[in-house]
Amino acid sequence: QVHLVESGGGLVQPGGSLRLSCEDSGVAFSVSSLGWYRQAPEKPREWVATITPNGNTNYKDSVKGRFTISRDNAMNTMYLQMNDLKPEDTAVYYCSLPWRDWGQGTQVTVSS
């Protein structure tokens, strides 16, 4: 049993890339809309992206064209591919699963 394991964060230079992963063994994984949120220091948590069970996606305007959310239902894993990262993307990133409380998140730091 895997309960909401977020990984993939790190320190990257502006323009770099990271891929975040969120794994969970919840039985509703394949039939639920899933999402990513982030929280920068001293700012409220904000929505970043959502993916529906059939793969439709939506993004926060500031990440459109740079971030891609995806899912692998066979692996019970969701991803966030982040390209062309900017310093303002620095935050703790959290996956949003309807049946789970927030996890600890994974830190993304974009700095030269």
PDB file of N, CA and C in Angstrom:
ATOM      1  N   GLN A   1       0.836  -1.174   0.000  1.00  0.00           N
ATOM      2  CA  GLN A   1       0.000   0.000   0.000  1.00  0.00           C
ATOM      3  C   GLN A   1       0.885   1.243   0.000  1.00  0.00           C
ATOM      4  N   VAL A   2       0.613   2.142  -0.914  1.00  0.00           N
ATOM      5  CA  VAL A   2       1.362   3.391  -1.008  1.00  0.00           C
ATOM      6  C   VAL A   2       0.387   4.523  -0.772  1.00  0.00           C
ATOM      7  N   HIS A   3       0.669   5.357   0.203  1.00  0.00           N
ATOM      8  CA  HIS A   3      -0.183   6.496   0.513  1.00  0.00           C
ATOM      9  C   HIS A   3       0.503   7.789   0.111  1.00  0.00           C
ATOM     10  N   LEU A   4       0.098   8.356  -0.969  1.00  0.00           N
ATOM     11  CA  LEU A   4       0.480   9.682  -1.444  1.00  0.00           C
ATOM     12  C   LEU A   4       1.973   9.948  -1.250  1.00  0.00           C
ATOM     13  N   VAL A   5       2.750   9.447  -2.132  1.00  0.00           N
ATOM     14  CA  VAL A   5       4.188   9.703  -2.121  1.00  0.00           C
ATOM     15  C   VAL A   5       4.518  10.660  -3.251  1.00  0.00           C
ATOM     16  N   GLU A   6       4.963  11.852  -2.877  1.00  0.00           N
ATOM     17  CA  GLU A   6       5.353  12.889  -3.846  1.00  0.00           C
ATOM     18  C   GLU A   6       6.871  12.908  -3.954  1.00  0.00           C
ATOM     19  N   SER A   7       7.359  13.032  -5.151  1.00  0.00           N
ATOM     20  CA  SER A   7       8.809  13.040  -5.336  1.00  0.00           C
ATOM     21  C   SER A   7       9.172  13.804  -6.609  1.00  0.00           C
ATOM     22  N   GLY A   8      10.459  14.057  -6.773  1.00  0.00           N
ATOM     23  CA  GLY A   8      10.958  14.649  -7.997  1.00  0.00           C
ATOM     24  C   GLY A   8      11.399  16.091  -7.897  1.00  0.00           C
ATOM     25  N   GLY A   9      11.180  16.714  -6.761  1.00  0.00           N
ATOM     26  CA  GLY A   9      11.594  18.099  -6.608  1.00  0.00           C
ATOM     27  C   GLY A   9      13.105  18.229  -6.512  1.00  0.00           C
ATOM     28  N   GLY A  10      13.552  19.474  -6.497  1.00  0.00           N
ATOM     29  CA  GLY A  10      14.978  19.726  -6.385  1.00  0.00           C
ATOM     30  C   GLY A  10      15.326  21.153  -6.713  1.00  0.00           C
ATOM     31  N   LEU A  11      16.616  21.398  -6.836  1.00  0.00           N
ATOM     32  CA  LEU A  11      17.139  22.716  -7.189  1.00  0.00           C
ATOM     33  C   LEU A  11      17.513  22.694  -8.666  1.00  0.00           C
ATOM     34  N   VAL A  12      17.023  23.666  -9.404  1.00  0.00           N
ATOM     35  CA  VAL A  12      17.295  23.727 -10.834  1.00  0.00           C
ATOM     36  C   VAL A  12      17.501  25.178 -11.238  1.00  0.00           C
ATOM     37  N   GLN A  13      18.312  25.384 -12.250  1.00  0.00           N
ATOM     38  CA  GLN A  13      18.538  26.741 -12.748  1.00  0.00           C
ATOM     39  C   GLN A  13      17.358  27.200 -13.598  1.00  0.00           C
ATOM     40  N   PRO A  14      17.162  28.492 -13.703  1.00  0.00           N
ATOM     41  CA  PRO A  14      16.124  28.992 -14.611  1.00  0.00           C
ATOM     42  C   PRO A  14      16.281  28.411 -16.007  1.00  0.00           C
ATOM     43  N   GLY A  15      15.151  28.016 -16.582  1.00  0.00           N
ATOM     44  CA  GLY A  15      15.171  27.368 -17.885  1.00  0.00           C
ATOM     45  C   GLY A  15      15.281  25.867 -17.824  1.00  0.00           C
ATOM     46  N   GLY A  16      15.529  25.344 -16.645  1.00  0.00           N
ATOM     47  CA  GLY A  16      15.682  23.907 -16.483  1.00  0.00           C
ATOM     48  C   GLY A  16      14.356  23.182 -16.386  1.00  0.00           C
ATOM     49  N   SER A  17      14.449  21.873 -16.179  1.00  0.00           N
ATOM     50  CA  SER A  17      13.270  21.007 -16.132  1.00  0.00           C
ATOM     51  C   SER A  17      13.319  20.082 -14.929  1.00  0.00           C
ATOM     52  N   LEU A  18      12.131  19.720 -14.488  1.00  0.00           N
ATOM     53  CA  LEU A  18      11.956  18.703 -13.454  1.00  0.00           C
ATOM     54  C   LEU A  18      10.688  17.930 -13.764  1.00  0.00           C
ATOM     55  N   ARG A  19      10.639  16.694 -13.296  1.00  0.00           N
ATOM     56  CA  ARG A  19       9.402  15.915 -13.390  1.00  0.00           C
ATOM     57  C   ARG A  19       9.020  15.441 -11.998  1.00  0.00           C
ATOM     58  N   LEU A  20       7.856  15.876 -11.568  1.00  0.00           N
ATOM     59  CA  LEU A  20       7.323  15.466 -10.274  1.00  0.00           C
ATOM     60  C   LEU A  20       6.462  14.221 -10.457  1.00  0.00           C
ATOM     61  N   SER A  21       6.453  13.391  -9.421  1.00  0.00           N
ATOM     62  CA  SER A  21       5.626  12.190  -9.427  1.00  0.00           C
ATOM     63  C   SER A  21       4.791  12.142  -8.161  1.00  0.00           C
ATOM     64  N   CYS A  22       3.620  11.547  -8.291  1.00  0.00           N
ATOM     65  CA  CYS A  22       2.738  11.350  -7.144  1.00  0.00           C
ATOM     66  C   CYS A  22       2.155   9.946  -7.264  1.00  0.00           C
ATOM     67  N   GLU A  23       2.491   9.091  -6.337  1.00  0.00           N
ATOM     68  CA  GLU A  23       2.030   7.712  -6.359  1.00  0.00           C
ATOM     69  C   GLU A  23       1.114   7.457  -5.179  1.00  0.00           C
ATOM     70  N   ASP A  24       0.026   6.744  -5.439  1.00  0.00           N
ATOM     71  CA  ASP A  24      -0.918   6.408  -4.376  1.00  0.00           C
ATOM     72  C   ASP A  24      -1.666   5.152  -4.761  1.00  0.00           C
ATOM     73  N   SER A  25      -1.904   4.295  -3.793  1.00  0.00           N
ATOM     74  CA  SER A  25      -2.547   3.007  -4.076  1.00  0.00           C
ATOM     75  C   SER A  25      -4.059   3.047  -3.952  1.00  0.00           C
ATOM     76  N   GLY A  26      -4.625   4.245  -3.801  1.00  0.00           N
ATOM     77  CA  GLY A  26      -6.061   4.364  -3.646  1.00  0.00           C
ATOM     78  C   GLY A  26      -6.842   3.723  -4.781  1.00  0.00           C
ATOM     79  N   VAL A  27      -7.900   3.018  -4.445  1.00  0.00           N
ATOM     80  CA  VAL A  27      -8.653   2.279  -5.452  1.00  0.00           C
ATOM     81  C   VAL A  27      -9.389   3.202  -6.411  1.00  0.00           C
ATOM     82  N   ALA A  28      -9.606   4.457  -5.993  1.00  0.00           N
ATOM     83  CA  ALA A  28     -10.315   5.409  -6.848  1.00  0.00           C
ATOM     84  C   ALA A  28      -9.391   6.140  -7.808  1.00  0.00           C
ATOM     85  N   PHE A  29      -8.131   5.777  -7.836  1.00  0.00           N
ATOM     86  CA  PHE A  29      -7.153   6.540  -8.607  1.00  0.00           C
ATOM     87  C   PHE A  29      -7.587   6.702 -10.051  1.00  0.00           C
ATOM     88  N   SER A  30      -7.937   5.620 -10.699  1.00  0.00           N
ATOM     89  CA  SER A  30      -8.193   5.673 -12.138  1.00  0.00           C
ATOM     90  C   SER A  30      -9.502   6.357 -12.500  1.00  0.00           C
ATOM     91  N   VAL A  31     -10.381   6.555 -11.542  1.00  0.00           N
ATOM     92  CA  VAL A  31     -11.693   7.129 -11.836  1.00  0.00           C
ATOM     93  C   VAL A  31     -11.853   8.535 -11.269  1.00  0.00           C
ATOM     94  N   SER A  32     -10.777   9.120 -10.794  1.00  0.00           N
ATOM     95  CA  SER A  32     -10.839  10.430 -10.143  1.00  0.00           C
ATOM     96  C   SER A  32     -10.062  11.489 -10.910  1.00  0.00           C
ATOM     97  N   SER A  33     -10.573  12.713 -10.833  1.00  0.00           N
ATOM     98  CA  SER A  33      -9.771  13.853 -11.278  1.00  0.00           C
ATOM     99  C   SER A  33      -8.683  14.109 -10.246  1.00  0.00           C
ATOM    100  N   LEU A  34      -7.502  14.368 -10.736  1.00  0.00           N
ATOM    101  CA  LEU A  34      -6.332  14.560  -9.871  1.00  0.00           C
ATOM    102  C   LEU A  34      -5.698  15.903 -10.194  1.00  0.00           C
ATOM    103  N   GLY A  35      -4.928  16.420  -9.254  1.00  0.00           N
ATOM    104  CA  GLY A  35      -4.344  17.727  -9.516  1.00  0.00           C
ATOM    105  C   GLY A  35      -3.038  17.975  -8.802  1.00  0.00           C
ATOM    106  N   TRP A  36      -2.408  19.063  -9.192  1.00  0.00           N
ATOM    107  CA  TRP A  36      -1.212  19.575  -8.527  1.00  0.00           C
ATOM    108  C   TRP A  36      -1.487  20.987  -8.021  1.00  0.00           C
ATOM    109  N   TYR A  37      -0.993  21.257  -6.841  1.00  0.00           N
ATOM    110  CA  TYR A  37      -1.035  22.582  -6.245  1.00  0.00           C
ATOM    111  C   TYR A  37       0.381  22.948  -5.827  1.00  0.00           C
ATOM    112  N   ARG A  38       0.572  24.224  -5.520  1.00  0.00           N
ATOM    113  CA  ARG A  38       1.868  24.648  -5.005  1.00  0.00           C
ATOM    114  C   ARG A  38       1.696  25.773  -4.005  1.00  0.00           C
ATOM    115  N   GLN A  39       2.688  25.903  -3.140  1.00  0.00           N
ATOM    116  CA  GLN A  39       2.661  26.971  -2.147  1.00  0.00           C
ATOM    117  C   GLN A  39       4.045  27.565  -2.029  1.00  0.00           C
ATOM    118  N   ALA A  40       4.138  28.827  -2.421  1.00  0.00           N
ATOM    119  CA  ALA A  40       5.389  29.560  -2.283  1.00  0.00           C
ATOM    120  C   ALA A  40       5.471  30.138  -0.874  1.00  0.00           C
ATOM    121  N   PRO A  41       6.680  30.490  -0.429  1.00  0.00           N
ATOM    122  CA  PRO A  41       6.830  31.044   0.921  1.00  0.00           C
ATOM    123  C   PRO A  41       5.931  32.243   1.149  1.00  0.00           C
ATOM    124  N   GLU A  42       5.227  32.234   2.246  1.00  0.00           N
ATOM    125  CA  GLU A  42       4.369  33.336   2.672  1.00  0.00           C
ATOM    126  C   GLU A  42       3.243  33.631   1.687  1.00  0.00           C
ATOM    127  N   LYS A  43       2.874  32.644   0.905  1.00  0.00           N
ATOM    128  CA  LYS A  43       1.751  32.807  -0.014  1.00  0.00           C
ATOM    129  C   LYS A  43       0.774  31.655   0.186  1.00  0.00           C
ATOM    130  N   PRO A  44      -0.492  31.862  -0.161  1.00  0.00           N
ATOM    131  CA  PRO A  44      -1.442  30.755  -0.019  1.00  0.00           C
ATOM    132  C   PRO A  44      -1.190  29.676  -1.070  1.00  0.00           C
ATOM    133  N   ARG A  45      -1.661  28.491  -0.758  1.00  0.00           N
ATOM    134  CA  ARG A  45      -1.555  27.399  -1.722  1.00  0.00           C
ATOM    135  C   ARG A  45      -2.401  27.722  -2.950  1.00  0.00           C
ATOM    136  N   GLU A  46      -1.878  27.413  -4.132  1.00  0.00           N
ATOM    137  CA  GLU A  46      -2.594  27.716  -5.357  1.00  0.00           C
ATOM    138  C   GLU A  46      -2.640  26.509  -6.270  1.00  0.00           C
ATOM    139  N   TRP A  47      -3.701  26.451  -7.027  1.00  0.00           N
ATOM    140  CA  TRP A  47      -3.897  25.378  -7.996  1.00  0.00           C
ATOM    141  C   TRP A  47      -2.949  25.567  -9.167  1.00  0.00           C
ATOM    142  N   VAL A  48      -2.431  24.451  -9.690  1.00  0.00           N
ATOM    143  CA  VAL A  48      -1.517  24.486 -10.823  1.00  0.00           C
ATOM    144  C   VAL A  48      -2.109  23.778 -12.040  1.00  0.00           C
ATOM    145  N   ALA A  49      -2.615  22.567 -11.832  1.00  0.00           N
ATOM    146  CA  ALA A  49      -3.096  21.791 -12.982  1.00  0.00           C
ATOM    147  C   ALA A  49      -4.019  20.680 -12.500  1.00  0.00           C
ATOM    148  N   THR A  50      -4.892  20.247 -13.408  1.00  0.00           N
ATOM    149  CA  THR A  50      -5.817  19.151 -13.132  1.00  0.00           C
ATOM    150  C   THR A  50      -5.855  18.223 -14.330  1.00  0.00           C
ATOM    151  N   ILE A  51      -6.035  16.934 -14.049  1.00  0.00           N
ATOM    152  CA  ILE A  51      -6.249  15.955 -15.115  1.00  0.00           C
ATOM    153  C   ILE A  51      -7.455  15.097 -14.731  1.00  0.00           C
ATOM    154  N   THR A  52      -8.378  14.942 -15.690  1.00  0.00           N
ATOM    155  CA  THR A  52      -9.586  14.150 -15.445  1.00  0.00           C
ATOM    156  C   THR A  52      -9.310  12.668 -15.696  1.00  0.00           C
ATOM    157  N   PRO A  53     -10.259  11.817 -15.349  1.00  0.00           N
ATOM    158  CA  PRO A  53     -10.042  10.374 -15.573  1.00  0.00           C
ATOM    159  C   PRO A  53      -9.774  10.025 -17.035  1.00  0.00           C
ATOM    160  N   ASN A  54     -10.354  10.780 -17.961  1.00  0.00           N
ATOM    161  CA  ASN A  54     -10.135  10.448 -19.370  1.00  0.00           C
ATOM    162  C   ASN A  54      -9.003  11.249 -19.991  1.00  0.00           C
ATOM    163  N   GLY A  55      -8.255  11.971 -19.145  1.00  0.00           N
ATOM    164  CA  GLY A  55      -7.052  12.621 -19.638  1.00  0.00           C
ATOM    165  C   GLY A  55      -7.177  14.068 -20.036  1.00  0.00           C
ATOM    166  N   ASN A  56      -8.340  14.662 -19.876  1.00  0.00           N
ATOM    167  CA  ASN A  56      -8.455  16.099 -20.151  1.00  0.00           C
ATOM    168  C   ASN A  56      -7.686  16.884 -19.095  1.00  0.00           C
ATOM    169  N   THR A  57      -7.070  17.965 -19.536  1.00  0.00           N
ATOM    170  CA  THR A  57      -6.198  18.724 -18.636  1.00  0.00           C
ATOM    171  C   THR A  57      -6.559  20.200 -18.613  1.00  0.00           C
ATOM    172  N   ASN A  58      -6.248  20.835 -17.505  1.00  0.00           N
ATOM    173  CA  ASN A  58      -6.381  22.281 -17.351  1.00  0.00           C
ATOM    174  C   ASN A  58      -5.190  22.790 -16.568  1.00  0.00           C
ATOM    175  N   TYR A  59      -4.794  24.036 -16.885  1.00  0.00           N
ATOM    176  CA  TYR A  59      -3.590  24.598 -16.275  1.00  0.00           C
ATOM    177  C   TYR A  59      -3.813  26.026 -15.825  1.00  0.00           C
ATOM    178  N   LYS A  60      -3.113  26.382 -14.780  1.00  0.00           N
ATOM    179  CA  LYS A  60      -2.993  27.785 -14.387  1.00  0.00           C
ATOM    180  C   LYS A  60      -2.335  28.533 -15.545  1.00  0.00           C
ATOM    181  N   ASP A  61      -2.819  29.738 -15.809  1.00  0.00           N
ATOM    182  CA  ASP A  61      -2.333  30.465 -16.992  1.00  0.00           C
ATOM    183  C   ASP A  61      -0.810  30.601 -17.015  1.00  0.00           C
ATOM    184  N   SER A  62      -0.216  30.847 -15.875  1.00  0.00           N
ATOM    185  CA  SER A  62       1.221  31.133 -15.852  1.00  0.00           C
ATOM    186  C   SER A  62       2.095  29.910 -16.151  1.00  0.00           C
ATOM    187  N   VAL A  63       1.506  28.712 -16.161  1.00  0.00           N
ATOM    188  CA  VAL A  63       2.297  27.512 -16.454  1.00  0.00           C
ATOM    189  C   VAL A  63       1.927  26.887 -17.796  1.00  0.00           C
ATOM    190  N   LYS A  64       0.899  27.413 -18.444  1.00  0.00           N
ATOM    191  CA  LYS A  64       0.488  26.863 -19.738  1.00  0.00           C
ATOM    192  C   LYS A  64       1.641  26.911 -20.727  1.00  0.00           C
ATOM    193  N   GLY A  65       1.822  25.813 -21.438  1.00  0.00           N
ATOM    194  CA  GLY A  65       2.891  25.731 -22.417  1.00  0.00           C
ATOM    195  C   GLY A  65       4.232  25.316 -21.829  1.00  0.00           C
ATOM    196  N   ARG A  66       4.332  25.305 -20.504  1.00  0.00           N
ATOM    197  CA  ARG A  66       5.590  24.914 -19.848  1.00  0.00           C
ATOM    198  C   ARG A  66       5.427  23.642 -19.028  1.00  0.00           C
ATOM    199  N   PHE A  67       4.278  23.468 -18.412  1.00  0.00           N
ATOM    200  CA  PHE A  67       4.018  22.307 -17.559  1.00  0.00           C
ATOM    201  C   PHE A  67       3.060  21.356 -18.270  1.00  0.00           C
ATOM    202  N   THR A  68       3.256  20.057 -18.023  1.00  0.00           N
ATOM    203  CA  THR A  68       2.365  19.043 -18.560  1.00  0.00           C
ATOM    204  C   THR A  68       2.014  18.052 -17.456  1.00  0.00           C
ATOM    205  N   ILE A  69       0.716  17.927 -17.203  1.00  0.00           N
ATOM    206  CA  ILE A  69       0.241  16.950 -16.227  1.00  0.00           C
ATOM    207  C   ILE A  69      -0.152  15.685 -16.969  1.00  0.00           C
ATOM    208  N   SER A  70       0.161  14.547 -16.381  1.00  0.00           N
ATOM    209  CA  SER A  70      -0.184  13.271 -17.010  1.00  0.00           C
ATOM    210  C   SER A  70      -0.418  12.237 -15.917  1.00  0.00           C
ATOM    211  N   ARG A  71      -0.936  11.083 -16.335  1.00  0.00           N
ATOM    212  CA  ARG A  71      -1.216  10.037 -15.364  1.00  0.00           C
ATOM    213  C   ARG A  71      -0.981   8.678 -15.989  1.00  0.00           C
ATOM    214  N   ASP A  72      -0.603   7.735 -15.154  1.00  0.00           N
ATOM    215  CA  ASP A  72      -0.458   6.337 -15.550  1.00  0.00           C
ATOM    216  C   ASP A  72      -1.299   5.531 -14.571  1.00  0.00           C
ATOM    217  N   ASN A  73      -2.517   5.219 -14.960  1.00  0.00           N
ATOM    218  CA  ASN A  73      -3.434   4.548 -14.049  1.00  0.00           C
ATOM    219  C   ASN A  73      -2.945   3.144 -13.689  1.00  0.00           C
ATOM    220  N   ALA A  74      -2.245   2.507 -14.603  1.00  0.00           N
ATOM    221  CA  ALA A  74      -1.723   1.163 -14.306  1.00  0.00           C
ATOM    222  C   ALA A  74      -0.697   1.194 -13.179  1.00  0.00           C
ATOM    223  N   MET A  75       0.007   2.316 -13.081  1.00  0.00           N
ATOM    224  CA  MET A  75       1.029   2.486 -12.037  1.00  0.00           C
ATOM    225  C   MET A  75       0.521   3.320 -10.862  1.00  0.00           C
ATOM    226  N   ASN A  76      -0.744   3.735 -10.917  1.00  0.00           N
ATOM    227  CA  ASN A  76      -1.310   4.614  -9.868  1.00  0.00           C
ATOM    228  C   ASN A  76      -0.395   5.804  -9.605  1.00  0.00           C
ATOM    229  N   THR A  77       0.049   6.414 -10.684  1.00  0.00           N
ATOM    230  CA  THR A  77       0.983   7.526 -10.558  1.00  0.00           C
ATOM    231  C   THR A  77       0.566   8.689 -11.461  1.00  0.00           C
ATOM    232  N   MET A  78       0.715   9.869 -10.924  1.00  0.00           N
ATOM    233  CA  MET A  78       0.470  11.109 -11.671  1.00  0.00           C
ATOM    234  C   MET A  78       1.792  11.857 -11.773  1.00  0.00           C
ATOM    235  N   TYR A  79       1.943  12.595 -12.847  1.00  0.00           N
ATOM    236  CA  TYR A  79       3.198  13.306 -13.090  1.00  0.00           C
ATOM    237  C   TYR A  79       2.939  14.780 -13.375  1.00  0.00           C
ATOM    238  N   LEU A  80       3.970  15.569 -13.152  1.00  0.00           N
ATOM    239  CA  LEU A  80       3.952  16.962 -13.604  1.00  0.00           C
ATOM    240  C   LEU A  80       5.316  17.236 -14.220  1.00  0.00           C
ATOM    241  N   GLN A  81       5.356  17.284 -15.541  1.00  0.00           N
ATOM    242  CA  GLN A  81       6.577  17.645 -16.246  1.00  0.00           C
ATOM    243  C   GLN A  81       6.660  19.162 -16.305  1.00  0.00           C
ATOM    244  N   MET A  82       7.732  19.709 -15.787  1.00  0.00           N
ATOM    245  CA  MET A  82       7.893  21.154 -15.711  1.00  0.00           C
ATOM    246  C   MET A  82       9.120  21.549 -16.526  1.00  0.00           C
ATOM    247  N   ASN A  83       8.900  22.315 -17.568  1.00  0.00           N
ATOM    248  CA  ASN A  83       9.979  22.792 -18.433  1.00  0.00           C
ATOM    249  C   ASN A  83      10.084  24.307 -18.346  1.00  0.00           C
ATOM    250  N   ASP A  84      11.213  24.829 -18.780  1.00  0.00           N
ATOM    251  CA  ASP A  84      11.446  26.276 -18.791  1.00  0.00           C
ATOM    252  C   ASP A  84      11.082  26.883 -17.433  1.00  0.00           C
ATOM    253  N   LEU A  85      11.591  26.294 -16.400  1.00  0.00           N
ATOM    254  CA  LEU A  85      11.254  26.739 -15.054  1.00  0.00           C
ATOM    255  C   LEU A  85      11.760  28.152 -14.791  1.00  0.00           C
ATOM    256  N   LYS A  86      10.986  28.881 -14.011  1.00  0.00           N
ATOM    257  CA  LYS A  86      11.287  30.268 -13.666  1.00  0.00           C
ATOM    258  C   LYS A  86      11.397  30.394 -12.149  1.00  0.00           C
ATOM    259  N   PRO A  87      12.113  31.419 -11.682  1.00  0.00           N
ATOM    260  CA  PRO A  87      12.225  31.595 -10.229  1.00  0.00           C
ATOM    261  C   PRO A  87      10.867  31.669  -9.537  1.00  0.00           C
ATOM    262  N   GLU A  88       9.865  32.216 -10.203  1.00  0.00           N
ATOM    263  CA  GLU A  88       8.544  32.319  -9.589  1.00  0.00           C
ATOM    264  C   GLU A  88       7.824  30.985  -9.492  1.00  0.00           C
ATOM    265  N   ASP A  89       8.401  29.924 -10.053  1.00  0.00           N
ATOM    266  CA  ASP A  89       7.844  28.586  -9.872  1.00  0.00           C
ATOM    267  C   ASP A  89       8.319  27.943  -8.570  1.00  0.00           C
ATOM    268  N   THR A  90       9.226  28.609  -7.888  1.00  0.00           N
ATOM    269  CA  THR A  90       9.732  28.082  -6.627  1.00  0.00           C
ATOM    270  C   THR A  90       8.607  27.938  -5.614  1.00  0.00           C
ATOM    271  N   ALA A  91       8.441  26.731  -5.096  1.00  0.00           N
ATOM    272  CA  ALA A  91       7.344  26.448  -4.175  1.00  0.00           C
ATOM    273  C   ALA A  91       7.446  24.996  -3.718  1.00  0.00           C
ATOM    274  N   VAL A  92       6.646  24.670  -2.733  1.00  0.00           N
ATOM    275  CA  VAL A  92       6.408  23.264  -2.408  1.00  0.00           C
ATOM    276  C   VAL A  92       5.212  22.812  -3.233  1.00  0.00           C
ATOM    277  N   TYR A  93       5.393  21.739  -3.946  1.00  0.00           N
ATOM    278  CA  TYR A  93       4.347  21.222  -4.827  1.00  0.00           C
ATOM    279  C   TYR A  93       3.664  20.027  -4.165  1.00  0.00           C
ATOM    280  N   TYR A  94       2.335  20.047  -4.249  1.00  0.00           N
ATOM    281  CA  TYR A  94       1.518  19.015  -3.617  1.00  0.00           C
ATOM    282  C   TYR A  94       0.612  18.366  -4.650  1.00  0.00           C
ATOM    283  N   CYS A  95       0.418  17.072  -4.546  1.00  0.00           N
ATOM    284  CA  CYS A  95      -0.599  16.451  -5.384  1.00  0.00           C
ATOM    285  C   CYS A  95      -1.907  16.428  -4.627  1.00  0.00           C
ATOM    286  N   SER A  96      -2.970  16.556  -5.365  1.00  0.00           N
ATOM    287  CA  SER A  96      -4.313  16.630  -4.815  1.00  0.00           C
ATOM    288  C   SER A  96      -5.082  15.382  -5.211  1.00  0.00           C
ATOM    289  N   LEU A  97      -5.405  14.584  -4.215  1.00  0.00           N
ATOM    290  CA  LEU A  97      -6.169  13.361  -4.424  1.00  0.00           C
ATOM    291  C   LEU A  97      -7.427  13.454  -3.586  1.00  0.00           C
ATOM    292  N   PRO A  98      -8.605  13.202  -4.187  1.00  0.00           N
ATOM    293  CA  PRO A  98      -9.852  13.425  -3.454  1.00  0.00           C
ATOM    294  C   PRO A  98      -9.983  12.636  -2.153  1.00  0.00           C
ATOM    295  N   TRP A  99      -9.326  11.506  -2.056  1.00  0.00           N
ATOM    296  CA  TRP A  99      -9.492  10.652  -0.888  1.00  0.00           C
ATOM    297  C   TRP A  99      -8.375  10.827   0.147  1.00  0.00           C
ATOM    298  N   ARG A 100      -7.460  11.782  -0.076  1.00  0.00           N
ATOM    299  CA  ARG A 100      -6.314  11.959   0.835  1.00  0.00           C
ATOM    300  C   ARG A 100      -6.228  13.387   1.336  1.00  0.00           C
ATOM    301  N   ASP A 101      -5.733  13.533   2.571  1.00  0.00           N
ATOM    302  CA  ASP A 101      -5.311  14.847   3.044  1.00  0.00           C
ATOM    303  C   ASP A 101      -4.029  15.230   2.306  1.00  0.00           C
ATOM    304  N   TRP A 102      -3.661  16.487   2.444  1.00  0.00           N
ATOM    305  CA  TRP A 102      -2.420  16.943   1.824  1.00  0.00           C
ATOM    306  C   TRP A 102      -1.240  16.143   2.359  1.00  0.00           C
ATOM    307  N   GLY A 103      -0.294  15.847   1.473  1.00  0.00           N
ATOM    308  CA  GLY A 103       0.953  15.223   1.878  1.00  0.00           C
ATOM    309  C   GLY A 103       1.972  16.273   2.265  1.00  0.00           C
ATOM    310  N   GLN A 104       3.217  15.858   2.335  1.00  0.00           N
ATOM    311  CA  GLN A 104       4.275  16.797   2.730  1.00  0.00           C
ATOM    312  C   GLN A 104       4.775  17.621   1.559  1.00  0.00           C
ATOM    313  N   GLY A 105       4.438  17.191   0.360  1.00  0.00           N
ATOM    314  CA  GLY A 105       4.860  17.941  -0.812  1.00  0.00           C
ATOM    315  C   GLY A 105       6.309  17.678  -1.177  1.00  0.00           C
ATOM    316  N   THR A 106       6.691  18.269  -2.295  1.00  0.00           N
ATOM    317  CA  THR A 106       8.083  18.161  -2.754  1.00  0.00           C
ATOM    318  C   THR A 106       8.558  19.558  -3.142  1.00  0.00           C
ATOM    319  N   GLN A 107       9.717  19.936  -2.639  1.00  0.00           N
ATOM    320  CA  GLN A 107      10.228  21.291  -2.816  1.00  0.00           C
ATOM    321  C   GLN A 107      10.847  21.452  -4.197  1.00  0.00           C
ATOM    322  N   VAL A 108      10.438  22.504  -4.885  1.00  0.00           N
ATOM    323  CA  VAL A 108      11.038  22.901  -6.156  1.00  0.00           C
ATOM    324  C   VAL A 108      11.639  24.277  -5.965  1.00  0.00           C
ATOM    325  N   THR A 109      12.928  24.397  -6.233  1.00  0.00           N
ATOM    326  CA  THR A 109      13.622  25.670  -6.110  1.00  0.00           C
ATOM    327  C   THR A 109      14.286  25.986  -7.441  1.00  0.00           C
ATOM    328  N   VAL A 110      13.929  27.138  -7.991  1.00  0.00           N
ATOM    329  CA  VAL A 110      14.496  27.570  -9.266  1.00  0.00           C
ATOM    330  C   VAL A 110      15.360  28.789  -8.986  1.00  0.00           C
ATOM    331  N   SER A 111      16.650  28.610  -9.133  1.00  0.00           N
ATOM    332  CA  SER A 111      17.580  29.683  -8.786  1.00  0.00           C
ATOM    333  C   SER A 111      18.897  29.469  -9.509  1.00  0.00           C
ATOM    334  N   SER A 112      19.532  30.588  -9.849  1.00  0.00           N
ATOM    335  CA  SER A 112      20.851  30.509 -10.454  1.00  0.00           C
ATOM    336  C   SER A 112      21.931  30.624  -9.395  1.00  0.00           C
TER     337      SER A 112
END
